[in-house]
Amino acid sequence: MSQEQKYDEGTRVLSEEELRDFDGTTIDEEGRTYDAPRYQSSQQEQDQFQTIPNMKIFLWNALSWNWKLGIAVGIVMLIIVLFALAKFIIAGAFVIILAWLVMRLLGKLFF
């Protein structure tokens, strides 16, 4: 079927470019009417296939200020917890190193 083939009542087959740009009701070969699908640009089609299924992407500018505030508070709380735990980790490492040094010193003195 050629693209220039004419049908009755002035209808014709749309080219690919016209079909992409067309927004309205179309008629298929059997005479059924339906809304034309919206075609995406080739860049959008490529981006669609490069995403991971069931993965949401949040853009910072698309978040409301409540979400931004919540994220900022969460980050601050995480930093506070890490600093609070860091002093215990460092103190524990200091105790372990000190115990190791004492055992070495006692080992040299008595063995």
Protein backbone atom coordinates (compact mmCIF):
# COMPACT_ATOMS: atom_id res chain seq x y z
CA MET A 1 0.00 0.00 0.00
CA SER A 2 1.59 3.29 -0.99
CA GLN A 3 1.56 6.36 1.21
CA GLU A 4 -0.23 8.36 -1.47
CA GLN A 5 -3.05 5.85 -1.87
CA LYS A 6 -6.37 7.70 -1.71
CA TYR A 7 -9.47 6.40 0.00
CA ASP A 8 -13.05 7.53 -0.36
CA GLU A 9 -14.15 10.81 1.27
CA GLY A 10 -10.67 12.36 1.05
CA THR A 11 -8.87 10.09 3.51
CA ARG A 12 -5.29 8.95 2.92
CA VAL A 13 -2.52 7.00 4.65
CA LEU A 14 -0.36 9.13 6.93
CA SER A 15 3.39 9.13 6.59
CA GLU A 16 5.49 8.25 9.65
CA GLU A 17 6.25 11.92 10.31
CA GLU A 18 2.61 12.92 9.98
CA LEU A 19 1.57 10.08 12.27
CA ARG A 20 4.04 11.23 14.93
CA ASP A 21 2.72 14.78 14.77
CA PHE A 22 -0.96 13.81 14.55
CA ASP A 23 -3.13 14.19 17.63
CA GLY A 24 -6.70 13.02 17.15
CA THR A 25 -8.90 10.16 16.01
CA THR A 26 -7.65 7.86 13.26
CA ILE A 27 -9.28 5.15 11.19
CA ASP A 28 -7.61 1.80 10.62
CA GLU A 29 -7.81 -0.28 7.43
CA GLU A 30 -11.01 -1.97 8.57
CA GLY A 31 -12.83 1.30 9.25
CA ARG A 32 -12.59 1.24 13.07
CA THR A 33 -11.85 4.56 14.75
CA TYR A 34 -9.46 5.01 17.65
CA ASP A 35 -7.38 7.74 19.24
CA ALA A 36 -3.91 8.05 17.74
CA PRO A 37 -1.15 6.97 20.09
CA ARG A 38 1.28 9.63 21.21
CA TYR A 39 4.71 8.87 19.81
CA GLN A 40 7.79 9.64 21.83
CA SER A 41 10.92 11.17 20.44
CA SER A 42 13.82 8.84 19.72
CA GLN A 43 15.77 10.25 22.71
CA GLN A 44 12.87 9.47 25.04
CA GLU A 45 12.63 5.97 23.58
CA GLN A 46 16.34 5.40 24.20
CA ASP A 47 16.06 6.73 27.76
CA GLN A 48 13.10 4.45 28.40
CA PHE A 49 15.14 1.34 27.56
CA GLN A 50 18.16 2.46 29.60
CA THR A 51 16.29 2.69 32.91
CA ILE A 52 16.03 -0.09 35.47
CA PRO A 53 12.51 -1.53 35.78
CA ASN A 54 10.59 -0.71 38.98
CA MET A 55 13.16 1.92 39.96
CA LYS A 56 11.96 5.39 40.84
CA ILE A 57 14.17 8.36 40.18
CA PHE A 58 13.64 11.37 42.41
CA LEU A 59 14.81 14.74 41.18
CA TRP A 60 15.76 17.27 43.84
CA ASN A 61 13.83 20.08 42.10
CA ALA A 62 10.71 17.91 41.87
CA LEU A 63 10.57 17.31 45.65
CA SER A 64 8.39 19.46 47.84
CA TRP A 65 9.99 21.52 50.59
CA ASN A 66 8.65 19.05 53.20
CA TRP A 67 10.64 16.23 51.59
CA LYS A 68 13.74 18.42 51.28
CA LEU A 69 13.48 19.37 54.95
CA GLY A 70 13.01 15.73 55.94
CA ILE A 71 16.04 14.63 53.94
CA ALA A 72 18.17 17.42 55.44
CA VAL A 73 17.09 16.49 58.99
CA GLY A 74 17.81 12.80 58.26
CA ILE A 75 21.31 13.58 57.00
CA VAL A 76 22.04 15.76 60.05
CA MET A 77 20.80 12.98 62.38
CA LEU A 78 22.96 10.42 60.57
CA ILE A 79 26.04 12.61 60.97
CA ILE A 80 25.29 13.14 64.68
CA VAL A 81 24.88 9.39 65.24
CA LEU A 82 28.12 8.64 63.38
CA PHE A 83 30.04 11.19 65.44
CA ALA A 84 28.49 9.84 68.67
CA LEU A 85 29.44 6.28 67.77
CA ALA A 86 32.87 7.29 66.48
CA LYS A 87 34.11 8.25 69.94
CA PHE A 88 33.08 4.81 71.26
CA ILE A 89 34.75 3.06 68.34
CA ILE A 90 37.95 5.05 68.84
CA ALA A 91 37.86 4.46 72.62
CA GLY A 92 37.31 0.73 72.05
CA ALA A 93 40.19 0.55 69.60
CA PHE A 94 42.39 2.42 72.09
CA VAL A 95 41.50 -0.06 74.86
CA ILE A 96 42.21 -3.05 72.62
CA ILE A 97 45.58 -1.64 71.52
CA LEU A 98 46.47 -0.80 75.10
CA ALA A 99 45.54 -4.32 76.27
CA TRP A 100 47.63 -5.81 73.44
CA LEU A 101 50.65 -3.69 74.45
CA VAL A 102 50.27 -4.69 78.14
CA MET A 103 50.07 -8.39 77.20
CA ARG A 104 53.21 -8.07 75.08
CA LEU A 105 55.02 -6.31 77.90
CA LEU A 106 53.91 -8.96 80.43
CA GLY A 107 54.83 -11.70 78.00
CA LYS A 108 58.36 -10.35 77.67
CA LEU A 109 58.76 -9.89 81.41
CA PHE A 110 57.52 -13.33 82.48
CA PHE A 111 58.26 -15.61 79.54
